[in-house]
Amino acid sequence: MEVAPMKKEENWNSKFAGAQMPMDSSLINRLSQHEHLIDIQNSEEKSWLARLYEDKLKISQIIIFALLFMFIAMICIVIPSIIFMLVDNWTFTQSLYCALITMSTVGLGDMVPFQNATGWMSVVGNVGLAIYLQIGAILFMVLLRTYHESYVYVHLSALHLRSRDVSLSEESVALTQIIKNQNL
């Protein structure tokens, strides 16, 4: 089997290809290393920005949650405790204990509100207690839902911020840096 004779230009092309392939592989290797460094740099910048944005969201969500929690605690725990204290002649700690146990639906039975009440006060007290339990359960569900929504909102916002692209793609930044390094 005969090999066709090479022309002068083909000989130069084969030598160029033999020298160029290692240079290309070296360039590709450098490119991948620079791209990796740029990925780390961009991810650190994104995570710093994401953390800053996330912290601001967390602070506002914590304030809203704390205000809602205090409002619900006032309605579901403190006001009923004052009513129990006045009607049943309990101390504030006893009435607070009863309100907490009642709202947590444990209802141990050691303290029963409106037990000493007679006549219409007993009926109004028991109906009011049933309404109080329903409203309290609904308010605590609202509190839990608000906490869950704020938690999800903060984390989805942070993920959205992390996924936003920078003005230049990572590949163009890597190529720009390699070109700058080669021109030096």
N, C-alpha and C. Protein backbone atom coordinates (compact mmCIF):
# COMPACT_ATOMS: atom_id res chain seq x y z
N MET A 1 0.84 -1.17 0.00
CA MET A 1 0.00 0.00 0.00
C MET A 1 0.89 1.23 0.00
N GLU A 2 0.68 2.08 -0.95
CA GLU A 2 1.49 3.27 -1.10
C GLU A 2 0.84 4.46 -0.44
N VAL A 3 1.64 5.28 0.15
CA VAL A 3 1.15 6.53 0.73
C VAL A 3 1.40 7.63 -0.27
N ALA A 4 0.40 8.46 -0.45
CA ALA A 4 0.54 9.55 -1.41
C ALA A 4 1.60 10.52 -0.93
N PRO A 5 2.42 11.01 -1.85
CA PRO A 5 3.46 11.96 -1.45
C PRO A 5 2.85 13.28 -0.99
N MET A 6 3.47 13.90 0.05
CA MET A 6 2.97 15.16 0.59
C MET A 6 3.53 16.34 -0.16
N LYS A 7 2.73 17.33 -0.27
CA LYS A 7 3.21 18.59 -0.82
C LYS A 7 3.84 19.38 0.32
N LYS A 8 4.53 20.42 -0.03
CA LYS A 8 5.20 21.23 0.98
C LYS A 8 4.21 21.83 1.98
N GLU A 9 3.07 22.33 1.50
CA GLU A 9 2.08 22.95 2.40
C GLU A 9 1.47 21.92 3.35
N GLU A 10 1.25 20.71 2.85
CA GLU A 10 0.67 19.66 3.69
C GLU A 10 1.64 19.26 4.78
N ASN A 11 2.93 19.26 4.46
CA ASN A 11 3.93 18.94 5.45
C ASN A 11 3.90 19.98 6.57
N TRP A 12 3.79 21.25 6.19
CA TRP A 12 3.72 22.31 7.19
C TRP A 12 2.45 22.16 8.03
N ASN A 13 1.32 21.81 7.40
CA ASN A 13 0.05 21.63 8.12
C ASN A 13 0.14 20.49 9.12
N SER A 14 0.80 19.41 8.75
CA SER A 14 0.91 18.29 9.68
C SER A 14 1.80 18.65 10.87
N LYS A 15 2.89 19.41 10.60
CA LYS A 15 3.73 19.86 11.71
C LYS A 15 2.95 20.83 12.60
N PHE A 16 2.21 21.74 11.97
CA PHE A 16 1.41 22.71 12.73
C PHE A 16 0.36 21.98 13.57
N ALA A 17 -0.29 20.97 12.97
CA ALA A 17 -1.30 20.20 13.71
C ALA A 17 -0.66 19.44 14.86
N GLY A 18 0.53 18.91 14.64
CA GLY A 18 1.21 18.19 15.71
C GLY A 18 1.59 19.10 16.86
N ALA A 19 1.95 20.33 16.55
CA ALA A 19 2.31 21.28 17.61
C ALA A 19 1.06 21.95 18.19
N GLN A 20 0.06 22.11 17.36
CA GLN A 20 -1.12 22.84 17.80
C GLN A 20 -1.99 22.02 18.76
N MET A 21 -2.05 20.72 18.57
CA MET A 21 -2.93 19.91 19.42
C MET A 21 -2.55 20.00 20.90
N PRO A 22 -1.26 19.86 21.27
CA PRO A 22 -0.92 20.03 22.69
C PRO A 22 -1.22 21.45 23.19
N MET A 23 -0.99 22.44 22.30
CA MET A 23 -1.28 23.82 22.72
C MET A 23 -2.78 24.01 22.93
N ASP A 24 -3.58 23.41 22.06
CA ASP A 24 -5.04 23.50 22.22
C ASP A 24 -5.49 22.83 23.51
N SER A 25 -4.94 21.64 23.77
CA SER A 25 -5.34 20.95 24.99
C SER A 25 -4.90 21.73 26.22
N SER A 26 -3.72 22.36 26.14
CA SER A 26 -3.27 23.21 27.24
C SER A 26 -4.20 24.41 27.42
N LEU A 27 -4.59 25.01 26.30
CA LEU A 27 -5.50 26.15 26.35
C LEU A 27 -6.86 25.75 26.93
N ILE A 28 -7.37 24.60 26.49
CA ILE A 28 -8.65 24.12 27.01
C ILE A 28 -8.55 23.83 28.50
N ASN A 29 -7.41 23.26 28.91
CA ASN A 29 -7.20 22.99 30.32
C ASN A 29 -7.19 24.28 31.12
N ARG A 30 -6.46 25.29 30.62
CA ARG A 30 -6.42 26.58 31.31
C ARG A 30 -7.80 27.23 31.34
N LEU A 31 -8.51 27.12 30.24
CA LEU A 31 -9.85 27.69 30.17
C LEU A 31 -10.77 27.06 31.22
N SER A 32 -10.68 25.75 31.35
CA SER A 32 -11.54 25.08 32.33
C SER A 32 -11.13 25.47 33.75
N GLN A 33 -9.83 25.67 33.99
CA GLN A 33 -9.39 26.11 35.31
C GLN A 33 -9.88 27.52 35.61
N HIS A 34 -9.76 28.41 34.65
CA HIS A 34 -10.24 29.79 34.86
C HIS A 34 -11.75 29.82 35.02
N GLU A 35 -12.43 29.03 34.24
CA GLU A 35 -13.89 28.99 34.34
C GLU A 35 -14.29 28.51 35.73
N HIS A 36 -13.55 27.53 36.24
CA HIS A 36 -13.83 27.02 37.58
C HIS A 36 -13.63 28.12 38.63
N LEU A 37 -12.53 28.87 38.50
CA LEU A 37 -12.28 29.96 39.45
C LEU A 37 -13.34 31.05 39.34
N ILE A 38 -13.76 31.35 38.14
CA ILE A 38 -14.79 32.37 37.95
C ILE A 38 -16.12 31.88 38.52
N ASP A 39 -16.42 30.58 38.35
CA ASP A 39 -17.64 30.04 38.94
C ASP A 39 -17.64 30.22 40.45
N ILE A 40 -16.49 29.93 41.08
CA ILE A 40 -16.40 30.09 42.53
C ILE A 40 -16.57 31.56 42.90
N GLN A 41 -15.90 32.44 42.17
CA GLN A 41 -16.00 33.86 42.46
C GLN A 41 -17.44 34.35 42.30
N ASN A 42 -18.10 33.99 41.20
CA ASN A 42 -19.48 34.42 40.99
C ASN A 42 -20.42 33.81 42.02
N SER A 43 -20.20 32.54 42.39
CA SER A 43 -21.09 31.93 43.37
C SER A 43 -20.90 32.58 44.73
N GLU A 44 -19.65 33.01 45.05
CA GLU A 44 -19.45 33.71 46.31
C GLU A 44 -20.14 35.06 46.29
N GLU A 45 -20.05 35.77 45.17
CA GLU A 45 -20.73 37.06 45.07
C GLU A 45 -22.24 36.86 45.15
N LYS A 46 -22.75 35.88 44.46
CA LYS A 46 -24.18 35.62 44.50
C LYS A 46 -24.61 35.24 45.91
N SER A 47 -23.83 34.39 46.56
CA SER A 47 -24.24 33.98 47.90
C SER A 47 -24.16 35.15 48.86
N TRP A 48 -23.19 36.05 48.68
CA TRP A 48 -23.13 37.23 49.53
C TRP A 48 -24.34 38.12 49.30
N LEU A 49 -24.67 38.35 48.01
CA LEU A 49 -25.86 39.14 47.69
C LEU A 49 -27.13 38.43 48.16
N ALA A 50 -27.16 37.13 47.95
CA ALA A 50 -28.34 36.37 48.37
C ALA A 50 -28.50 36.43 49.88
N ARG A 51 -27.36 36.31 50.59
CA ARG A 51 -27.45 36.39 52.06
C ARG A 51 -27.92 37.75 52.52
N LEU A 52 -27.42 38.81 51.88
CA LEU A 52 -27.85 40.17 52.24
C LEU A 52 -29.34 40.35 51.99
N TYR A 53 -29.79 39.95 50.82
CA TYR A 53 -31.21 40.05 50.48
C TYR A 53 -32.05 39.17 51.40
N GLU A 54 -31.54 37.96 51.66
CA GLU A 54 -32.25 37.03 52.52
C GLU A 54 -32.34 37.56 53.94
N ASP A 55 -31.27 38.19 54.44
CA ASP A 55 -31.28 38.74 55.79
C ASP A 55 -32.31 39.86 55.91
N LYS A 56 -32.39 40.73 54.90
CA LYS A 56 -33.39 41.80 54.95
C LYS A 56 -34.80 41.22 54.95
N LEU A 57 -35.01 40.20 54.13
CA LEU A 57 -36.32 39.56 54.11
C LEU A 57 -36.62 38.87 55.43
N LYS A 58 -35.61 38.21 55.98
CA LYS A 58 -35.81 37.51 57.24
C LYS A 58 -36.17 38.48 58.34
N ILE A 59 -35.49 39.62 58.39
CA ILE A 59 -35.76 40.59 59.44
C ILE A 59 -37.19 41.10 59.34
N SER A 60 -37.62 41.45 58.14
CA SER A 60 -39.00 41.94 57.98
C SER A 60 -40.00 40.84 58.28
N GLN A 61 -39.72 39.62 57.85
CA GLN A 61 -40.64 38.53 58.13
C GLN A 61 -40.67 38.19 59.61
N ILE A 62 -39.54 38.30 60.29
CA ILE A 62 -39.51 38.04 61.73
C ILE A 62 -40.30 39.10 62.47
N ILE A 63 -40.19 40.35 62.05
CA ILE A 63 -40.95 41.43 62.70
C ILE A 63 -42.45 41.20 62.51
N ILE A 64 -42.86 40.88 61.29
CA ILE A 64 -44.27 40.61 61.03
C ILE A 64 -44.75 39.42 61.85
N PHE A 65 -43.96 38.36 61.87
CA PHE A 65 -44.34 37.17 62.63
C PHE A 65 -44.41 37.48 64.12
N ALA A 66 -43.46 38.24 64.65
CA ALA A 66 -43.47 38.58 66.07
C ALA A 66 -44.69 39.43 66.43
N LEU A 67 -45.02 40.40 65.59
CA LEU A 67 -46.21 41.22 65.85
C LEU A 67 -47.48 40.38 65.80
N LEU A 68 -47.57 39.51 64.83
CA LEU A 68 -48.73 38.63 64.73
C LEU A 68 -48.79 37.68 65.92
N PHE A 69 -47.65 37.16 66.33
CA PHE A 69 -47.61 36.27 67.49
C PHE A 69 -48.06 36.98 68.76
N MET A 70 -47.58 38.21 68.95
CA MET A 70 -47.99 38.96 70.15
C MET A 70 -49.49 39.27 70.12
N PHE A 71 -50.00 39.62 68.94
CA PHE A 71 -51.43 39.90 68.80
C PHE A 71 -52.26 38.66 69.12
N ILE A 72 -51.87 37.52 68.56
CA ILE A 72 -52.61 36.28 68.81
C ILE A 72 -52.46 35.83 70.25
N ALA A 73 -51.27 35.99 70.82
CA ALA A 73 -51.08 35.63 72.23
C ALA A 73 -51.95 36.51 73.12
N MET A 74 -52.05 37.77 72.77
CA MET A 74 -52.90 38.67 73.55
C MET A 74 -54.36 38.24 73.48
N ILE A 75 -54.82 37.93 72.28
CA ILE A 75 -56.23 37.55 72.11
C ILE A 75 -56.51 36.17 72.71
N CYS A 76 -55.62 35.23 72.50
CA CYS A 76 -55.90 33.84 72.88
C CYS A 76 -55.43 33.45 74.27
N ILE A 77 -54.51 34.18 74.83
CA ILE A 77 -53.95 33.78 76.13
C ILE A 77 -54.21 34.83 77.21
N VAL A 78 -53.82 36.06 76.97
CA VAL A 78 -53.87 37.08 78.02
C VAL A 78 -55.31 37.50 78.34
N ILE A 79 -56.09 37.84 77.33
CA ILE A 79 -57.47 38.29 77.59
C ILE A 79 -58.30 37.18 78.25
N PRO A 80 -58.27 35.94 77.75
CA PRO A 80 -59.00 34.88 78.47
C PRO A 80 -58.48 34.66 79.89
N SER A 81 -57.18 34.82 80.09
CA SER A 81 -56.63 34.67 81.45
C SER A 81 -57.22 35.71 82.38
N ILE A 82 -57.36 36.93 81.90
CA ILE A 82 -57.95 38.00 82.73
C ILE A 82 -59.42 37.68 83.02
N ILE A 83 -60.14 37.18 82.01
CA ILE A 83 -61.55 36.81 82.22
C ILE A 83 -61.66 35.67 83.22
N PHE A 84 -60.82 34.64 83.08
CA PHE A 84 -60.84 33.52 84.03
C PHE A 84 -60.50 34.00 85.43
N MET A 85 -59.55 34.91 85.52
CA MET A 85 -59.14 35.43 86.82
C MET A 85 -60.29 36.18 87.49
N LEU A 86 -61.02 36.98 86.74
CA LEU A 86 -62.11 37.76 87.31
C LEU A 86 -63.33 36.90 87.65
N VAL A 87 -63.68 35.96 86.78
CA VAL A 87 -64.90 35.17 86.99
C VAL A 87 -64.68 34.08 88.03
N ASP A 88 -63.57 33.37 87.97
CA ASP A 88 -63.35 32.22 88.84
C ASP A 88 -62.51 32.52 90.07
N ASN A 89 -62.11 33.77 90.23
CA ASN A 89 -61.29 34.18 91.38
C ASN A 89 -59.98 33.39 91.47
N TRP A 90 -59.34 33.19 90.33
CA TRP A 90 -58.04 32.55 90.28
C TRP A 90 -56.96 33.61 90.30
N THR A 91 -55.74 33.17 90.60
CA THR A 91 -54.61 34.08 90.44
C THR A 91 -54.31 34.18 88.94
N PHE A 92 -53.50 35.18 88.60
CA PHE A 92 -53.19 35.35 87.17
C PHE A 92 -52.42 34.15 86.64
N THR A 93 -51.52 33.59 87.43
CA THR A 93 -50.75 32.43 86.96
C THR A 93 -51.65 31.21 86.78
N GLN A 94 -52.63 31.03 87.68
CA GLN A 94 -53.56 29.91 87.51
C GLN A 94 -54.41 30.09 86.24
N SER A 95 -54.89 31.31 86.03
CA SER A 95 -55.71 31.55 84.85
C SER A 95 -54.87 31.48 83.56
N LEU A 96 -53.62 31.91 83.62
CA LEU A 96 -52.73 31.80 82.47
C LEU A 96 -52.46 30.33 82.14
N TYR A 97 -52.24 29.55 83.19
CA TYR A 97 -52.04 28.11 83.01
C TYR A 97 -53.27 27.48 82.36
N CYS A 98 -54.45 27.83 82.85
CA CYS A 98 -55.68 27.27 82.29
C CYS A 98 -55.86 27.68 80.83
N ALA A 99 -55.55 28.93 80.51
CA ALA A 99 -55.69 29.39 79.12
C ALA A 99 -54.71 28.66 78.21
N LEU A 100 -53.48 28.48 78.66
CA LEU A 100 -52.49 27.76 77.84
C LEU A 100 -52.87 26.30 77.64
N ILE A 101 -53.31 25.65 78.71
CA ILE A 101 -53.71 24.24 78.61
C ILE A 101 -54.95 24.10 77.73
N THR A 102 -55.88 25.03 77.87
CA THR A 102 -57.10 24.98 77.06
C THR A 102 -56.78 25.22 75.59
N MET A 103 -55.94 26.22 75.30
CA MET A 103 -55.61 26.52 73.90
C MET A 103 -54.77 25.43 73.26
N SER A 104 -53.97 24.74 74.02
CA SER A 104 -53.16 23.67 73.45
C SER A 104 -53.98 22.39 73.27
N THR A 105 -55.26 22.45 73.57
CA THR A 105 -56.22 21.35 73.47
C THR A 105 -55.83 20.14 74.30
N VAL A 106 -54.96 20.35 75.27
CA VAL A 106 -54.63 19.26 76.18
C VAL A 106 -55.79 19.07 77.16
N GLY A 107 -56.22 20.17 77.79
CA GLY A 107 -57.37 20.13 78.69
C GLY A 107 -57.23 19.06 79.76
N LEU A 108 -56.31 19.25 80.68
CA LEU A 108 -56.04 18.23 81.69
C LEU A 108 -57.22 18.01 82.64
N GLY A 109 -58.08 18.98 82.79
CA GLY A 109 -59.25 18.82 83.65
C GLY A 109 -59.01 19.20 85.09
N ASP A 110 -57.78 19.57 85.44
CA ASP A 110 -57.51 19.97 86.81
C ASP A 110 -58.08 21.35 87.12
N MET A 111 -58.23 22.18 86.11
CA MET A 111 -58.84 23.50 86.26
C MET A 111 -59.87 23.66 85.15
N VAL A 112 -61.09 23.93 85.52
CA VAL A 112 -62.16 24.08 84.54
C VAL A 112 -62.71 25.49 84.68
N PRO A 113 -62.65 26.29 83.62
CA PRO A 113 -63.17 27.65 83.72
C PRO A 113 -64.70 27.66 83.85
N PHE A 114 -65.20 28.67 84.52
CA PHE A 114 -66.63 28.90 84.74
C PHE A 114 -67.29 27.76 85.52
N GLN A 115 -66.54 27.05 86.32
CA GLN A 115 -67.10 25.96 87.12
C GLN A 115 -67.91 26.52 88.29
N ASN A 116 -67.48 27.64 88.82
CA ASN A 116 -68.18 28.25 89.96
C ASN A 116 -69.29 29.19 89.52
N ALA A 117 -69.41 29.43 88.23
CA ALA A 117 -70.43 30.35 87.73
C ALA A 117 -71.80 29.67 87.82
N THR A 118 -72.83 30.48 88.07
CA THR A 118 -74.19 29.95 88.19
C THR A 118 -75.12 30.68 87.22
N GLY A 119 -76.19 30.01 86.86
CA GLY A 119 -77.23 30.64 86.04
C GLY A 119 -76.75 30.99 84.65
N TRP A 120 -77.13 32.19 84.23
CA TRP A 120 -76.81 32.64 82.88
C TRP A 120 -75.31 32.80 82.66
N MET A 121 -74.59 33.09 83.76
CA MET A 121 -73.13 33.26 83.63
C MET A 121 -72.47 31.94 83.24
N SER A 122 -73.01 30.83 83.72
CA SER A 122 -72.47 29.52 83.37
C SER A 122 -72.70 29.22 81.89
N VAL A 123 -73.92 29.52 81.40
CA VAL A 123 -74.24 29.26 79.99
C VAL A 123 -73.41 30.16 79.08
N VAL A 124 -73.40 31.45 79.38
CA VAL A 124 -72.62 32.40 78.57
C VAL A 124 -71.14 32.05 78.61
N GLY A 125 -70.66 31.68 79.78
CA GLY A 125 -69.25 31.31 79.93
C GLY A 125 -68.88 30.09 79.11
N ASN A 126 -69.72 29.05 79.13
CA ASN A 126 -69.43 27.82 78.37
C ASN A 126 -69.54 28.05 76.86
N VAL A 127 -70.55 28.82 76.43
CA VAL A 127 -70.66 29.14 75.00
C VAL A 127 -69.48 30.01 74.57
N GLY A 128 -69.15 30.99 75.40
CA GLY A 128 -67.99 31.84 75.11
C GLY A 128 -66.70 31.04 75.06
N LEU A 129 -66.59 30.05 75.94
CA LEU A 129 -65.40 29.19 75.96
C LEU A 129 -65.30 28.38 74.66
N ALA A 130 -66.43 27.86 74.18
CA ALA A 130 -66.43 27.10 72.92
C ALA A 130 -66.03 28.01 71.75
N ILE A 131 -66.57 29.22 71.73
CA ILE A 131 -66.21 30.18 70.67
C ILE A 131 -64.73 30.55 70.77
N TYR A 132 -64.29 30.77 72.01
CA TYR A 132 -62.88 31.10 72.25
C TYR A 132 -61.96 30.00 71.72
N LEU A 133 -62.32 28.74 71.95
CA LEU A 133 -61.49 27.64 71.46
C LEU A 133 -61.44 27.60 69.94
N GLN A 134 -62.57 27.84 69.29
CA GLN A 134 -62.60 27.84 67.82
C GLN A 134 -61.79 29.00 67.25
N ILE A 135 -62.01 30.18 67.77
CA ILE A 135 -61.28 31.36 67.28
C ILE A 135 -59.79 31.20 67.56
N GLY A 136 -59.46 30.71 68.74
CA GLY A 136 -58.05 30.50 69.08
C GLY A 136 -57.37 29.50 68.16
N ALA A 137 -58.07 28.40 67.85
CA ALA A 137 -57.49 27.40 66.94
C ALA A 137 -57.29 28.00 65.55
N ILE A 138 -58.26 28.78 65.08
CA ILE A 138 -58.13 29.43 63.77
C ILE A 138 -56.97 30.42 63.77
N LEU A 139 -56.85 31.21 64.83
CA LEU A 139 -55.76 32.20 64.89
C LEU A 139 -54.39 31.53 64.94
N PHE A 140 -54.29 30.41 65.67
CA PHE A 140 -53.01 29.71 65.69
C PHE A 140 -52.70 29.07 64.33
N MET A 141 -53.72 28.64 63.60
CA MET A 141 -53.48 28.14 62.24
C MET A 141 -53.02 29.28 61.33
N VAL A 142 -53.60 30.47 61.51
CA VAL A 142 -53.15 31.63 60.73
C VAL A 142 -51.69 31.94 61.06
N LEU A 143 -51.35 31.84 62.33
CA LEU A 143 -49.97 32.09 62.75
C LEU A 143 -49.02 31.08 62.11
N LEU A 144 -49.38 29.82 62.13
CA LEU A 144 -48.53 28.79 61.51
C LEU A 144 -48.44 28.98 60.00
N ARG A 145 -49.54 29.33 59.38
CA ARG A 145 -49.52 29.56 57.92
C ARG A 145 -48.64 30.76 57.58
N THR A 146 -48.73 31.82 58.38
CA THR A 146 -47.89 32.99 58.14
C THR A 146 -46.42 32.64 58.28
N TYR A 147 -46.10 31.86 59.31
CA TYR A 147 -44.71 31.44 59.49
C TYR A 147 -44.26 30.61 58.29
N HIS A 148 -45.09 29.67 57.86
CA HIS A 148 -44.73 28.81 56.73
C HIS A 148 -44.56 29.62 55.45
N GLU A 149 -45.48 30.55 55.18
CA GLU A 149 -45.38 31.36 53.96
C GLU A 149 -44.15 32.26 53.99
N SER A 150 -43.84 32.83 55.15
CA SER A 150 -42.66 33.69 55.22
C SER A 150 -41.40 32.87 55.04
N TYR A 151 -41.38 31.68 55.61
CA TYR A 151 -40.22 30.80 55.46
C TYR A 151 -40.02 30.42 53.99
N VAL A 152 -41.10 30.01 53.34
CA VAL A 152 -41.02 29.63 51.93
C VAL A 152 -40.66 30.84 51.08
N TYR A 153 -41.25 32.00 51.35
CA TYR A 153 -40.99 33.20 50.57
C TYR A 153 -39.52 33.60 50.66
N VAL A 154 -38.98 33.58 51.87
CA VAL A 154 -37.57 33.96 52.05
C VAL A 154 -36.67 33.01 51.28
N HIS A 155 -36.92 31.72 51.38
CA HIS A 155 -36.04 30.76 50.72
C HIS A 155 -36.22 30.77 49.20
N LEU A 156 -37.44 30.94 48.72
CA LEU A 156 -37.62 31.02 47.27
C LEU A 156 -37.02 32.30 46.70
N SER A 157 -37.11 33.39 47.45
CA SER A 157 -36.51 34.64 47.00
C SER A 157 -34.99 34.52 46.93
N ALA A 158 -34.42 33.86 47.92
CA ALA A 158 -32.97 33.66 47.91
C ALA A 158 -32.56 32.76 46.74
N LEU A 159 -33.34 31.72 46.47
CA LEU A 159 -33.02 30.86 45.33
C LEU A 159 -33.16 31.61 44.01
N HIS A 160 -34.17 32.47 43.91
CA HIS A 160 -34.34 33.26 42.70
C HIS A 160 -33.16 34.20 42.50
N LEU A 161 -32.70 34.82 43.58
CA LEU A 161 -31.57 35.73 43.48
C LEU A 161 -30.31 34.98 43.07
N ARG A 162 -30.13 33.79 43.62
CA ARG A 162 -28.95 33.01 43.27
C ARG A 162 -28.97 32.56 41.81
N SER A 163 -30.16 32.35 41.27
CA SER A 163 -30.24 31.82 39.91
C SER A 163 -30.20 32.90 38.84
N ARG A 164 -30.28 34.17 39.26
CA ARG A 164 -30.21 35.24 38.25
C ARG A 164 -28.83 35.26 37.61
N ASP A 165 -28.80 35.49 36.33
CA ASP A 165 -27.53 35.53 35.61
C ASP A 165 -26.90 36.89 35.77
N VAL A 166 -25.58 36.90 35.77
CA VAL A 166 -24.86 38.16 35.74
C VAL A 166 -24.90 38.68 34.32
N SER A 167 -24.48 39.94 34.12
CA SER A 167 -24.62 40.55 32.80
C SER A 167 -23.83 39.79 31.73
N LEU A 168 -22.66 39.29 32.07
CA LEU A 168 -21.89 38.49 31.12
C LEU A 168 -22.01 37.03 31.53
N SER A 169 -22.08 36.17 30.55
CA SER A 169 -22.12 34.76 30.89
C SER A 169 -20.76 34.34 31.42
N GLU A 170 -20.74 33.23 32.12
CA GLU A 170 -19.50 32.77 32.72
C GLU A 170 -18.46 32.41 31.65
N GLU A 171 -18.93 31.90 30.52
CA GLU A 171 -18.00 31.53 29.46
C GLU A 171 -17.33 32.76 28.86
N SER A 172 -18.10 33.82 28.64
CA SER A 172 -17.51 35.03 28.05
C SER A 172 -16.55 35.69 29.03
N VAL A 173 -16.84 35.61 30.32
CA VAL A 173 -15.92 36.16 31.31
C VAL A 173 -14.62 35.37 31.30
N ALA A 174 -14.72 34.05 31.21
CA ALA A 174 -13.52 33.21 31.19
C ALA A 174 -12.69 33.49 29.94
N LEU A 175 -13.35 33.57 28.80
CA LEU A 175 -12.62 33.86 27.56
C LEU A 175 -11.98 35.24 27.59
N THR A 176 -12.68 36.22 28.13
CA THR A 176 -12.14 37.57 28.23
C THR A 176 -10.89 37.58 29.10
N GLN A 177 -10.92 36.86 30.21
CA GLN A 177 -9.76 36.82 31.09
C GLN A 177 -8.58 36.10 30.43
N ILE A 178 -8.85 35.04 29.70
CA ILE A 178 -7.76 34.32 29.02
C ILE A 178 -7.14 35.20 27.95
N ILE A 179 -7.96 35.91 27.20
CA ILE A 179 -7.44 36.81 26.17
C ILE A 179 -6.60 37.91 26.80
N LYS A 180 -7.04 38.45 27.92
CA LYS A 180 -6.26 39.48 28.61
C LYS A 180 -4.93 38.91 29.08
N ASN A 181 -4.94 37.69 29.61
CA ASN A 181 -3.70 37.06 30.09
C ASN A 181 -2.74 36.79 28.95
N GLN A 182 -3.25 36.40 27.79
CA GLN A 182 -2.38 36.11 26.65
C GLN A 182 -1.83 37.39 26.03
N ASN A 183 -2.56 38.48 26.11
CA ASN A 183 -2.08 39.75 25.56
C ASN A 183 -1.01 40.39 26.43
N LEU A 184 -0.93 39.99 27.68
CA LEU A 184 0.09 40.57 28.57
C LEU A 184 1.40 40.01 28.21
